[in-house]
Amino acid sequence: MVELVKLYIGGFPLEMTELELVQMVSPYGEVSTIKIVRDKVTRKCKGYAFMEVVNREAADNVIDALDGTRMGDRELTISIKEDEPIRPVPVYKKVERPTGPVKMKRPRRQI
């Protein structure tokens, strides 16, 4: 079984493509998936991406080799993205009304 590790990659030039990011990272670890985060309307890159590599050793190699590297006027930030714990769905119980006389509503005023 392959243990995929998700990496956060930030600070790369906004013009970079998915292929260029994979080519930059692949010498240090096998890349499984990549997703550059883009603006929904303009489709312009927001400057960060998420990438999955095949195991923890590959993730550590990528971080050691590329974290803090300067690319033009920007500095790469690479870290392991830990998954947020799954929150349990709240269970609501039906509340019973107390038994007793039913309160009548006031009639609306006629105009």
PDB file of N, CA and C in Angstrom:
ATOM      1  N   MET A   1       0.847  -1.191   0.000  1.00  0.00           N
ATOM      2  CA  MET A   1       0.000   0.000   0.000  1.00  0.00           C
ATOM      3  C   MET A   1       0.888   1.249   0.000  1.00  0.00           C
ATOM      4  N   VAL A   2       0.502   2.240  -0.790  1.00  0.00           N
ATOM      5  CA  VAL A   2       1.261   3.478  -0.901  1.00  0.00           C
ATOM      6  C   VAL A   2       0.749   4.466   0.138  1.00  0.00           C
ATOM      7  N   GLU A   3       1.670   5.023   0.893  1.00  0.00           N
ATOM      8  CA  GLU A   3       1.325   6.015   1.914  1.00  0.00           C
ATOM      9  C   GLU A   3       1.562   7.401   1.323  1.00  0.00           C
ATOM     10  N   LEU A   4       0.507   8.048   0.849  1.00  0.00           N
ATOM     11  CA  LEU A   4       0.650   9.368   0.242  1.00  0.00           C
ATOM     12  C   LEU A   4       0.781  10.420   1.328  1.00  0.00           C
ATOM     13  N   VAL A   5       1.709  11.353   1.111  1.00  0.00           N
ATOM     14  CA  VAL A   5       1.931  12.450   2.050  1.00  0.00           C
ATOM     15  C   VAL A   5       1.666  13.747   1.294  1.00  0.00           C
ATOM     16  N   LYS A   6       0.788  14.592   1.849  1.00  0.00           N
ATOM     17  CA  LYS A   6       0.427  15.849   1.199  1.00  0.00           C
ATOM     18  C   LYS A   6       1.385  16.952   1.611  1.00  0.00           C
ATOM     19  N   LEU A   7       1.897  17.681   0.619  1.00  0.00           N
ATOM     20  CA  LEU A   7       2.803  18.799   0.858  1.00  0.00           C
ATOM     21  C   LEU A   7       2.134  20.105   0.458  1.00  0.00           C
ATOM     22  N   TYR A   8       2.417  21.154   1.222  1.00  0.00           N
ATOM     23  CA  TYR A   8       2.030  22.513   0.865  1.00  0.00           C
ATOM     24  C   TYR A   8       3.251  23.147   0.231  1.00  0.00           C
ATOM     25  N   ILE A   9       3.080  23.756  -0.932  1.00  0.00           N
ATOM     26  CA  ILE A   9       4.184  24.449  -1.604  1.00  0.00           C
ATOM     27  C   ILE A   9       3.726  25.870  -1.867  1.00  0.00           C
ATOM     28  N   GLY A  10       4.437  26.826  -1.320  1.00  0.00           N
ATOM     29  CA  GLY A  10       4.085  28.225  -1.502  1.00  0.00           C
ATOM     30  C   GLY A  10       5.297  29.039  -1.906  1.00  0.00           C
ATOM     31  N   GLY A  11       5.060  30.200  -2.473  1.00  0.00           N
ATOM     32  CA  GLY A  11       6.137  31.113  -2.812  1.00  0.00           C
ATOM     33  C   GLY A  11       6.764  30.874  -4.171  1.00  0.00           C
ATOM     34  N   PHE A  12       6.192  30.021  -4.990  1.00  0.00           N
ATOM     35  CA  PHE A  12       6.767  29.833  -6.326  1.00  0.00           C
ATOM     36  C   PHE A  12       6.240  30.929  -7.247  1.00  0.00           C
ATOM     37  N   PRO A  13       6.936  31.201  -8.357  1.00  0.00           N
ATOM     38  CA  PRO A  13       6.464  32.240  -9.288  1.00  0.00           C
ATOM     39  C   PRO A  13       5.059  31.925  -9.809  1.00  0.00           C
ATOM     40  N   LEU A  14       4.251  32.943  -9.954  1.00  0.00           N
ATOM     41  CA  LEU A  14       2.859  32.771 -10.346  1.00  0.00           C
ATOM     42  C   LEU A  14       2.706  32.223 -11.758  1.00  0.00           C
ATOM     43  N   GLU A  15       3.742  32.324 -12.579  1.00  0.00           N
ATOM     44  CA  GLU A  15       3.672  31.851 -13.957  1.00  0.00           C
ATOM     45  C   GLU A  15       3.951  30.357 -14.079  1.00  0.00           C
ATOM     46  N   MET A  16       4.412  29.709 -13.001  1.00  0.00           N
ATOM     47  CA  MET A  16       4.766  28.286 -13.069  1.00  0.00           C
ATOM     48  C   MET A  16       3.541  27.426 -13.337  1.00  0.00           C
ATOM     49  N   THR A  17       3.763  26.354 -14.098  1.00  0.00           N
ATOM     50  CA  THR A  17       2.691  25.405 -14.392  1.00  0.00           C
ATOM     51  C   THR A  17       2.856  24.169 -13.513  1.00  0.00           C
ATOM     52  N   GLU A  18       1.844  23.307 -13.549  1.00  0.00           N
ATOM     53  CA  GLU A  18       1.905  22.055 -12.797  1.00  0.00           C
ATOM     54  C   GLU A  18       3.104  21.221 -13.245  1.00  0.00           C
ATOM     55  N   LEU A  19       3.332  21.161 -14.553  1.00  0.00           N
ATOM     56  CA  LEU A  19       4.434  20.367 -15.085  1.00  0.00           C
ATOM     57  C   LEU A  19       5.779  20.879 -14.587  1.00  0.00           C
ATOM     58  N   GLU A  20       5.965  22.197 -14.556  1.00  0.00           N
ATOM     59  CA  GLU A  20       7.224  22.771 -14.077  1.00  0.00           C
ATOM     60  C   GLU A  20       7.437  22.472 -12.588  1.00  0.00           C
ATOM     61  N   LEU A  21       6.362  22.523 -11.794  1.00  0.00           N
ATOM     62  CA  LEU A  21       6.489  22.193 -10.368  1.00  0.00           C
ATOM     63  C   LEU A  21       6.870  20.727 -10.175  1.00  0.00           C
ATOM     64  N   VAL A  22       6.241  19.845 -10.943  1.00  0.00           N
ATOM     65  CA  VAL A  22       6.566  18.419 -10.839  1.00  0.00           C
ATOM     66  C   VAL A  22       8.011  18.175 -11.247  1.00  0.00           C
ATOM     67  N   GLN A  23       8.477  18.826 -12.322  1.00  0.00           N
ATOM     68  CA  GLN A  23       9.868  18.671 -12.762  1.00  0.00           C
ATOM     69  C   GLN A  23      10.842  19.174 -11.701  1.00  0.00           C
ATOM     70  N   MET A  24      10.466  20.213 -10.956  1.00  0.00           N
ATOM     71  CA  MET A  24      11.327  20.749  -9.910  1.00  0.00           C
ATOM     72  C   MET A  24      11.420  19.782  -8.727  1.00  0.00           C
ATOM     73  N   VAL A  25      10.312  19.116  -8.384  1.00  0.00           N
ATOM     74  CA  VAL A  25      10.250  18.276  -7.188  1.00  0.00           C
ATOM     75  C   VAL A  25      10.677  16.834  -7.462  1.00  0.00           C
ATOM     76  N   SER A  26      10.413  16.323  -8.658  1.00  0.00           N
ATOM     77  CA  SER A  26      10.602  14.892  -8.941  1.00  0.00           C
ATOM     78  C   SER A  26      12.008  14.340  -8.717  1.00  0.00           C
ATOM     79  N   PRO A  27      13.098  15.108  -8.809  1.00  0.00           N
ATOM     80  CA  PRO A  27      14.403  14.511  -8.473  1.00  0.00           C
ATOM     81  C   PRO A  27      14.527  14.096  -7.006  1.00  0.00           C
ATOM     82  N   TYR A  28      13.679  14.637  -6.146  1.00  0.00           N
ATOM     83  CA  TYR A  28      13.789  14.367  -4.710  1.00  0.00           C
ATOM     84  C   TYR A  28      12.732  13.395  -4.200  1.00  0.00           C
ATOM     85  N   GLY A  29      11.681  13.149  -4.973  1.00  0.00           N
ATOM     86  CA  GLY A  29      10.633  12.222  -4.555  1.00  0.00           C
ATOM     87  C   GLY A  29       9.590  12.074  -5.649  1.00  0.00           C
ATOM     88  N   GLU A  30       8.989  10.888  -5.706  1.00  0.00           N
ATOM     89  CA  GLU A  30       7.987  10.601  -6.732  1.00  0.00           C
ATOM     90  C   GLU A  30       6.676  11.324  -6.414  1.00  0.00           C
ATOM     91  N   VAL A  31       6.195  12.096  -7.376  1.00  0.00           N
ATOM     92  CA  VAL A  31       4.974  12.878  -7.208  1.00  0.00           C
ATOM     93  C   VAL A  31       3.782  12.051  -7.669  1.00  0.00           C
ATOM     94  N   SER A  32       2.735  12.041  -6.857  1.00  0.00           N
ATOM     95  CA  SER A  32       1.520  11.314  -7.200  1.00  0.00           C
ATOM     96  C   SER A  32       0.478  12.250  -7.812  1.00  0.00           C
ATOM     97  N   THR A  33       0.171  13.343  -7.128  1.00  0.00           N
ATOM     98  CA  THR A  33      -0.797  14.318  -7.637  1.00  0.00           C
ATOM     99  C   THR A  33      -0.322  15.730  -7.329  1.00  0.00           C
ATOM    100  N   ILE A  34      -0.867  16.692  -8.069  1.00  0.00           N
ATOM    101  CA  ILE A  34      -0.550  18.108  -7.822  1.00  0.00           C
ATOM    102  C   ILE A  34      -1.782  18.942  -8.125  1.00  0.00           C
ATOM    103  N   LYS A  35      -1.965  19.994  -7.351  1.00  0.00           N
ATOM    104  CA  LYS A  35      -3.086  20.913  -7.557  1.00  0.00           C
ATOM    105  C   LYS A  35      -2.613  22.319  -7.227  1.00  0.00           C
ATOM    106  N   ILE A  36      -2.503  23.175  -8.260  1.00  0.00           N
ATOM    107  CA  ILE A  36      -2.197  24.585  -8.041  1.00  0.00           C
ATOM    108  C   ILE A  36      -3.511  25.281  -7.723  1.00  0.00           C
ATOM    109  N   VAL A  37      -3.541  26.049  -6.659  1.00  0.00           N
ATOM    110  CA  VAL A  37      -4.756  26.742  -6.244  1.00  0.00           C
ATOM    111  C   VAL A  37      -4.886  28.018  -7.070  1.00  0.00           C
ATOM    112  N   ARG A  38      -6.043  28.172  -7.702  1.00  0.00           N
ATOM    113  CA  ARG A  38      -6.290  29.315  -8.587  1.00  0.00           C
ATOM    114  C   ARG A  38      -7.564  30.045  -8.158  1.00  0.00           C
ATOM    115  N   ASP A  39      -7.642  31.329  -8.530  1.00  0.00           N
ATOM    116  CA  ASP A  39      -8.841  32.118  -8.292  1.00  0.00           C
ATOM    117  C   ASP A  39      -9.974  31.552  -9.134  1.00  0.00           C
ATOM    118  N   LYS A  40     -11.160  31.432  -8.549  1.00  0.00           N
ATOM    119  CA  LYS A  40     -12.294  30.817  -9.257  1.00  0.00           C
ATOM    120  C   LYS A  40     -12.738  31.630 -10.468  1.00  0.00           C
ATOM    121  N   VAL A  41     -12.666  32.944 -10.380  1.00  0.00           N
ATOM    122  CA  VAL A  41     -13.169  33.791 -11.455  1.00  0.00           C
ATOM    123  C   VAL A  41     -12.104  34.029 -12.525  1.00  0.00           C
ATOM    124  N   THR A  42     -10.929  34.481 -12.109  1.00  0.00           N
ATOM    125  CA  THR A  42      -9.897  34.867 -13.079  1.00  0.00           C
ATOM    126  C   THR A  42      -9.002  33.709 -13.496  1.00  0.00           C
ATOM    127  N   ARG A  43      -9.018  32.594 -12.748  1.00  0.00           N
ATOM    128  CA  ARG A  43      -8.167  31.427 -13.000  1.00  0.00           C
ATOM    129  C   ARG A  43      -6.680  31.742 -12.850  1.00  0.00           C
ATOM    130  N   LYS A  44      -6.343  32.859 -12.192  1.00  0.00           N
ATOM    131  CA  LYS A  44      -4.941  33.199 -11.940  1.00  0.00           C
ATOM    132  C   LYS A  44      -4.459  32.442 -10.719  1.00  0.00           C
ATOM    133  N   CYS A  45      -3.194  32.055 -10.748  1.00  0.00           N
ATOM    134  CA  CYS A  45      -2.579  31.319  -9.649  1.00  0.00           C
ATOM    135  C   CYS A  45      -2.536  32.190  -8.395  1.00  0.00           C
ATOM    136  N   LYS A  46      -2.849  31.595  -7.238  1.00  0.00           N
ATOM    137  CA  LYS A  46      -2.800  32.316  -5.969  1.00  0.00           C
ATOM    138  C   LYS A  46      -1.427  32.221  -5.316  1.00  0.00           C
ATOM    139  N   GLY A  47      -0.508  31.441  -5.901  1.00  0.00           N
ATOM    140  CA  GLY A  47       0.855  31.388  -5.384  1.00  0.00           C
ATOM    141  C   GLY A  47       1.145  30.219  -4.474  1.00  0.00           C
ATOM    142  N   TYR A  48       0.225  29.257  -4.387  1.00  0.00           N
ATOM    143  CA  TYR A  48       0.511  28.057  -3.607  1.00  0.00           C
ATOM    144  C   TYR A  48      -0.164  26.852  -4.237  1.00  0.00           C
ATOM    145  N   ALA A  49       0.332  25.689  -3.850  1.00  0.00           N
ATOM    146  CA  ALA A  49      -0.177  24.444  -4.420  1.00  0.00           C
ATOM    147  C   ALA A  49      -0.103  23.347  -3.377  1.00  0.00           C
ATOM    148  N   PHE A  50      -0.801  22.254  -3.655  1.00  0.00           N
ATOM    149  CA  PHE A  50      -0.724  21.057  -2.825  1.00  0.00           C
ATOM    150  C   PHE A  50      -0.264  19.916  -3.715  1.00  0.00           C
ATOM    151  N   MET A  51       0.630  19.113  -3.176  1.00  0.00           N
ATOM    152  CA  MET A  51       1.213  18.015  -3.937  1.00  0.00           C
ATOM    153  C   MET A  51       1.256  16.793  -3.042  1.00  0.00           C
ATOM    154  N   GLU A  52       0.989  15.624  -3.610  1.00  0.00           N
ATOM    155  CA  GLU A  52       1.110  14.375  -2.862  1.00  0.00           C
ATOM    156  C   GLU A  52       2.307  13.610  -3.395  1.00  0.00           C
ATOM    157  N   VAL A  53       3.168  13.179  -2.477  1.00  0.00           N
ATOM    158  CA  VAL A  53       4.306  12.331  -2.820  1.00  0.00           C
ATOM    159  C   VAL A  53       4.066  10.954  -2.219  1.00  0.00           C
ATOM    160  N   VAL A  54       4.821   9.956  -2.706  1.00  0.00           N
ATOM    161  CA  VAL A  54       4.481   8.561  -2.411  1.00  0.00           C
ATOM    162  C   VAL A  54       4.735   8.117  -0.976  1.00  0.00           C
ATOM    163  N   ASN A  55       5.654   8.746  -0.249  1.00  0.00           N
ATOM    164  CA  ASN A  55       5.883   8.320   1.135  1.00  0.00           C
ATOM    165  C   ASN A  55       6.518   9.445   1.952  1.00  0.00           C
ATOM    166  N   ARG A  56       6.667   9.200   3.226  1.00  0.00           N
ATOM    167  CA  ARG A  56       7.204  10.212   4.146  1.00  0.00           C
ATOM    168  C   ARG A  56       8.668  10.533   3.845  1.00  0.00           C
ATOM    169  N   GLU A  57       9.438   9.531   3.441  1.00  0.00           N
ATOM    170  CA  GLU A  57      10.851   9.751   3.120  1.00  0.00           C
ATOM    171  C   GLU A  57      10.990  10.711   1.936  1.00  0.00           C
ATOM    172  N   ALA A  58      10.162  10.519   0.905  1.00  0.00           N
ATOM    173  CA  ALA A  58      10.185  11.411  -0.256  1.00  0.00           C
ATOM    174  C   ALA A  58       9.792  12.828   0.159  1.00  0.00           C
ATOM    175  N   ALA A  59       8.803  12.955   1.026  1.00  0.00           N
ATOM    176  CA  ALA A  59       8.373  14.274   1.507  1.00  0.00           C
ATOM    177  C   ALA A  59       9.508  14.968   2.251  1.00  0.00           C
ATOM    178  N   ASP A  60      10.192  14.230   3.124  1.00  0.00           N
ATOM    179  CA  ASP A  60      11.322  14.812   3.857  1.00  0.00           C
ATOM    180  C   ASP A  60      12.438  15.239   2.915  1.00  0.00           C
ATOM    181  N   ASN A  61      12.702  14.426   1.870  1.00  0.00           N
ATOM    182  CA  ASN A  61      13.737  14.776   0.889  1.00  0.00           C
ATOM    183  C   ASN A  61      13.390  16.068   0.159  1.00  0.00           C
ATOM    184  N   VAL A  62      12.139  16.223  -0.239  1.00  0.00           N
ATOM    185  CA  VAL A  62      11.697  17.427  -0.947  1.00  0.00           C
ATOM    186  C   VAL A  62      11.847  18.646  -0.046  1.00  0.00           C
ATOM    187  N   ILE A  63      11.418  18.522   1.203  1.00  0.00           N
ATOM    188  CA  ILE A  63      11.510  19.645   2.147  1.00  0.00           C
ATOM    189  C   ILE A  63      12.961  20.028   2.392  1.00  0.00           C
ATOM    190  N   ASP A  64      13.828  19.036   2.638  1.00  0.00           N
ATOM    191  CA  ASP A  64      15.240  19.317   2.889  1.00  0.00           C
ATOM    192  C   ASP A  64      15.903  19.998   1.697  1.00  0.00           C
ATOM    193  N   ALA A  65      15.553  19.570   0.492  1.00  0.00           N
ATOM    194  CA  ALA A  65      16.224  20.086  -0.703  1.00  0.00           C
ATOM    195  C   ALA A  65      15.699  21.450  -1.149  1.00  0.00           C
ATOM    196  N   LEU A  66      14.391  21.709  -1.008  1.00  0.00           N
ATOM    197  CA  LEU A  66      13.812  22.892  -1.640  1.00  0.00           C
ATOM    198  C   LEU A  66      13.256  23.955  -0.699  1.00  0.00           C
ATOM    199  N   ASP A  67      12.974  23.633   0.551  1.00  0.00           N
ATOM    200  CA  ASP A  67      12.405  24.630   1.468  1.00  0.00           C
ATOM    201  C   ASP A  67      13.405  25.761   1.688  1.00  0.00           C
ATOM    202  N   GLY A  68      12.967  26.988   1.460  1.00  0.00           N
ATOM    203  CA  GLY A  68      13.832  28.152   1.637  1.00  0.00           C
ATOM    204  C   GLY A  68      14.603  28.536   0.391  1.00  0.00           C
ATOM    205  N   THR A  69      14.467  27.788  -0.685  1.00  0.00           N
ATOM    206  CA  THR A  69      15.160  28.093  -1.936  1.00  0.00           C
ATOM    207  C   THR A  69      14.557  29.343  -2.562  1.00  0.00           C
ATOM    208  N   ARG A  70      15.405  30.214  -3.089  1.00  0.00           N
ATOM    209  CA  ARG A  70      14.928  31.436  -3.744  1.00  0.00           C
ATOM    210  C   ARG A  70      14.658  31.155  -5.211  1.00  0.00           C
ATOM    211  N   MET A  71      13.521  31.610  -5.670  1.00  0.00           N
ATOM    212  CA  MET A  71      13.157  31.523  -7.087  1.00  0.00           C
ATOM    213  C   MET A  71      12.801  32.929  -7.536  1.00  0.00           C
ATOM    214  N   GLY A  72      13.721  33.582  -8.217  1.00  0.00           N
ATOM    215  CA  GLY A  72      13.508  34.984  -8.594  1.00  0.00           C
ATOM    216  C   GLY A  72      13.507  35.836  -7.339  1.00  0.00           C
ATOM    217  N   ASP A  73      12.440  36.593  -7.149  1.00  0.00           N
ATOM    218  CA  ASP A  73      12.339  37.444  -5.961  1.00  0.00           C
ATOM    219  C   ASP A  73      11.510  36.801  -4.853  1.00  0.00           C
ATOM    220  N   ARG A  74      11.177  35.509  -5.006  1.00  0.00           N
ATOM    221  CA  ARG A  74      10.344  34.820  -4.016  1.00  0.00           C
ATOM    222  C   ARG A  74      11.116  33.660  -3.385  1.00  0.00           C
ATOM    223  N   GLU A  75      10.659  33.245  -2.217  1.00  0.00           N
ATOM    224  CA  GLU A  75      11.281  32.136  -1.494  1.00  0.00           C
ATOM    225  C   GLU A  75      10.279  31.009  -1.319  1.00  0.00           C
ATOM    226  N   LEU A  76      10.699  29.797  -1.679  1.00  0.00           N
ATOM    227  CA  LEU A  76       9.808  28.637  -1.564  1.00  0.00           C
ATOM    228  C   LEU A  76       9.566  28.267  -0.113  1.00  0.00           C
ATOM    229  N   THR A  77       8.346  27.916   0.182  1.00  0.00           N
ATOM    230  CA  THR A  77       7.977  27.382   1.487  1.00  0.00           C
ATOM    231  C   THR A  77       7.338  26.025   1.236  1.00  0.00           C
ATOM    232  N   ILE A  78       7.922  24.991   1.796  1.00  0.00           N
ATOM    233  CA  ILE A  78       7.391  23.648   1.619  1.00  0.00           C
ATOM    234  C   ILE A  78       7.241  23.016   2.988  1.00  0.00           C
ATOM    235  N   SER A  79       6.056  22.468   3.256  1.00  0.00           N
ATOM    236  CA  SER A  79       5.816  21.807   4.535  1.00  0.00           C
ATOM    237  C   SER A  79       4.803  20.695   4.344  1.00  0.00           C
ATOM    238  N   ILE A  80       4.774  19.793   5.295  1.00  0.00           N
ATOM    239  CA  ILE A  80       3.814  18.693   5.251  1.00  0.00           C
ATOM    240  C   ILE A  80       2.468  19.222   5.733  1.00  0.00           C
ATOM    241  N   LYS A  81       1.435  18.959   4.958  1.00  0.00           N
ATOM    242  CA  LYS A  81       0.070  19.392   5.293  1.00  0.00           C
ATOM    243  C   LYS A  81      -0.608  18.254   6.026  1.00  0.00           C
ATOM    244  N   GLU A  82      -0.792  18.444   7.318  1.00  0.00           N
ATOM    245  CA  GLU A  82      -1.476  17.434   8.117  1.00  0.00           C
ATOM    246  C   GLU A  82      -2.968  17.535   7.865  1.00  0.00           C
ATOM    247  N   ASP A  83      -3.640  16.402   7.725  1.00  0.00           N
ATOM    248  CA  ASP A  83      -5.082  16.391   7.529  1.00  0.00           C
ATOM    249  C   ASP A  83      -5.768  16.769   8.832  1.00  0.00           C
ATOM    250  N   GLU A  84      -6.829  17.579   8.692  1.00  0.00           N
ATOM    251  CA  GLU A  84      -7.590  17.957   9.873  1.00  0.00           C
ATOM    252  C   GLU A  84      -8.373  16.738  10.357  1.00  0.00           C
ATOM    253  N   PRO A  85      -8.494  16.586  11.662  1.00  0.00           N
ATOM    254  CA  PRO A  85      -9.278  15.451  12.160  1.00  0.00           C
ATOM    255  C   PRO A  85     -10.736  15.601  11.756  1.00  0.00           C
ATOM    256  N   ILE A  86     -11.375  14.481  11.501  1.00  0.00           N
ATOM    257  CA  ILE A  86     -12.777  14.490  11.115  1.00  0.00           C
ATOM    258  C   ILE A  86     -13.619  14.719  12.370  1.00  0.00           C
ATOM    259  N   ARG A  87     -14.441  15.753  12.309  1.00  0.00           N
ATOM    260  CA  ARG A  87     -15.294  16.071  13.456  1.00  0.00           C
ATOM    261  C   ARG A  87     -16.554  15.227  13.385  1.00  0.00           C
ATOM    262  N   PRO A  88     -16.985  14.695  14.529  1.00  0.00           N
ATOM    263  CA  PRO A  88     -18.222  13.909  14.502  1.00  0.00           C
ATOM    264  C   PRO A  88     -19.428  14.816  14.234  1.00  0.00           C
ATOM    265  N   VAL A  89     -20.399  14.282  13.536  1.00  0.00           N
ATOM    266  CA  VAL A  89     -21.616  15.020  13.244  1.00  0.00           C
ATOM    267  C   VAL A  89     -22.455  15.076  14.522  1.00  0.00           C
ATOM    268  N   PRO A  90     -22.931  16.269  14.896  1.00  0.00           N
ATOM    269  CA  PRO A  90     -23.729  16.344  16.118  1.00  0.00           C
ATOM    270  C   PRO A  90     -25.054  15.591  15.958  1.00  0.00           C
ATOM    271  N   VAL A  91     -25.478  14.960  17.041  1.00  0.00           N
ATOM    272  CA  VAL A  91     -26.741  14.226  17.047  1.00  0.00           C
ATOM    273  C   VAL A  91     -27.723  15.026  17.893  1.00  0.00           C
ATOM    274  N   TYR A  92     -28.821  15.375  17.279  1.00  0.00           N
ATOM    275  CA  TYR A  92     -29.827  16.158  17.976  1.00  0.00           C
ATOM    276  C   TYR A  92     -30.983  15.247  18.375  1.00  0.00           C
ATOM    277  N   LYS A  93     -31.464  15.445  19.592  1.00  0.00           N
ATOM    278  CA  LYS A  93     -32.597  14.671  20.079  1.00  0.00           C
ATOM    279  C   LYS A  93     -33.862  15.503  19.922  1.00  0.00           C
ATOM    280  N   LYS A  94     -34.957  14.827  19.641  1.00  0.00           N
ATOM    281  CA  LYS A  94     -36.229  15.519  19.539  1.00  0.00           C
ATOM    282  C   LYS A  94     -36.683  15.894  20.944  1.00  0.00           C
ATOM    283  N   VAL A  95     -37.061  17.149  21.091  1.00  0.00           N
ATOM    284  CA  VAL A  95     -37.492  17.649  22.395  1.00  0.00           C
ATOM    285  C   VAL A  95     -39.012  17.521  22.486  1.00  0.00           C
ATOM    286  N   GLU A  96     -39.473  16.880  23.530  1.00  0.00           N
ATOM    287  CA  GLU A  96     -40.906  16.711  23.761  1.00  0.00           C
ATOM    288  C   GLU A  96     -41.435  17.948  24.481  1.00  0.00           C
ATOM    289  N   ARG A  97     -42.577  18.411  24.024  1.00  0.00           N
ATOM    290  CA  ARG A  97     -43.213  19.527  24.725  1.00  0.00           C
ATOM    291  C   ARG A  97     -43.890  18.985  25.965  1.00  0.00           C
ATOM    292  N   PRO A  98     -43.877  19.773  27.026  1.00  0.00           N
ATOM    293  CA  PRO A  98     -44.559  19.297  28.229  1.00  0.00           C
ATOM    294  C   PRO A  98     -46.069  19.189  27.968  1.00  0.00           C
ATOM    295  N   THR A  99     -46.660  18.164  28.541  1.00  0.00           N
ATOM    296  CA  THR A  99     -48.102  17.989  28.380  1.00  0.00           C
ATOM    297  C   THR A  99     -48.825  18.933  29.319  1.00  0.00           C
ATOM    298  N   GLY A 100     -49.995  19.321  28.952  1.00  0.00           N
ATOM    299  CA  GLY A 100     -50.758  20.250  29.765  1.00  0.00           C
ATOM    300  C   GLY A 100     -51.694  21.041  28.879  1.00  0.00           C
ATOM    301  N   PRO A 101     -52.295  22.070  29.451  1.00  0.00           N
ATOM    302  CA  PRO A 101     -53.246  22.846  28.645  1.00  0.00           C
ATOM    303  C   PRO A 101     -52.517  23.541  27.484  1.00  0.00           C
ATOM    304  N   VAL A 102     -53.196  23.579  26.344  1.00  0.00           N
ATOM    305  CA  VAL A 102     -52.632  24.214  25.162  1.00  0.00           C
ATOM    306  C   VAL A 102     -52.927  25.698  25.234  1.00  0.00           C
ATOM    307  N   LYS A 103     -51.928  26.512  25.082  1.00  0.00           N
ATOM    308  CA  LYS A 103     -52.085  27.954  25.142  1.00  0.00           C
ATOM    309  C   LYS A 103     -52.641  28.435  23.804  1.00  0.00           C
ATOM    310  N   MET A 104     -53.703  29.196  23.881  1.00  0.00           N
ATOM    311  CA  MET A 104     -54.340  29.701  22.671  1.00  0.00           C
ATOM    312  C   MET A 104     -53.642  30.981  22.239  1.00  0.00           C
ATOM    313  N   LYS A 105     -53.555  31.177  20.929  1.00  0.00           N
ATOM    314  CA  LYS A 105     -52.972  32.408  20.403  1.00  0.00           C
ATOM    315  C   LYS A 105     -54.025  33.510  20.423  1.00  0.00           C
ATOM    316  N   ARG A 106     -53.564  34.745  20.571  1.00  0.00           N
ATOM    317  CA  ARG A 106     -54.472  35.878  20.519  1.00  0.00           C
ATOM    318  C   ARG A 106     -54.939  36.078  19.097  1.00  0.00           C
ATOM    319  N   PRO A 107     -56.205  36.413  18.918  1.00  0.00           N
ATOM    320  CA  PRO A 107     -56.685  36.674  17.568  1.00  0.00           C
ATOM    321  C   PRO A 107     -56.059  37.968  17.029  1.00  0.00           C
ATOM    322  N   ARG A 108     -55.859  37.994  15.709  1.00  0.00           N
ATOM    323  CA  ARG A 108     -55.295  39.224  15.106  1.00  0.00           C
ATOM    324  C   ARG A 108     -56.356  40.314  15.095  1.00  0.00           C
ATOM    325  N   ARG A 109     -55.889  41.512  15.206  1.00  0.00           N
ATOM    326  CA  ARG A 109     -56.782  42.667  15.206  1.00  0.00           C
ATOM    327  C   ARG A 109     -57.235  42.944  13.790  1.00  0.00           C
ATOM    328  N   GLN A 110     -58.510  43.137  13.606  1.00  0.00           N
ATOM    329  CA  GLN A 110     -59.087  43.436  12.302  1.00  0.00           C
ATOM    330  C   GLN A 110     -58.995  44.927  12.036  1.00  0.00           C
ATOM    331  N   ILE A 111     -58.669  45.257  10.791  1.00  0.00           N
ATOM    332  CA  ILE A 111     -58.565  46.681  10.425  1.00  0.00           C
ATOM    333  C   ILE A 111     -59.779  47.105   9.666  1.00  0.00           C
TER     334      ILE A 111
END
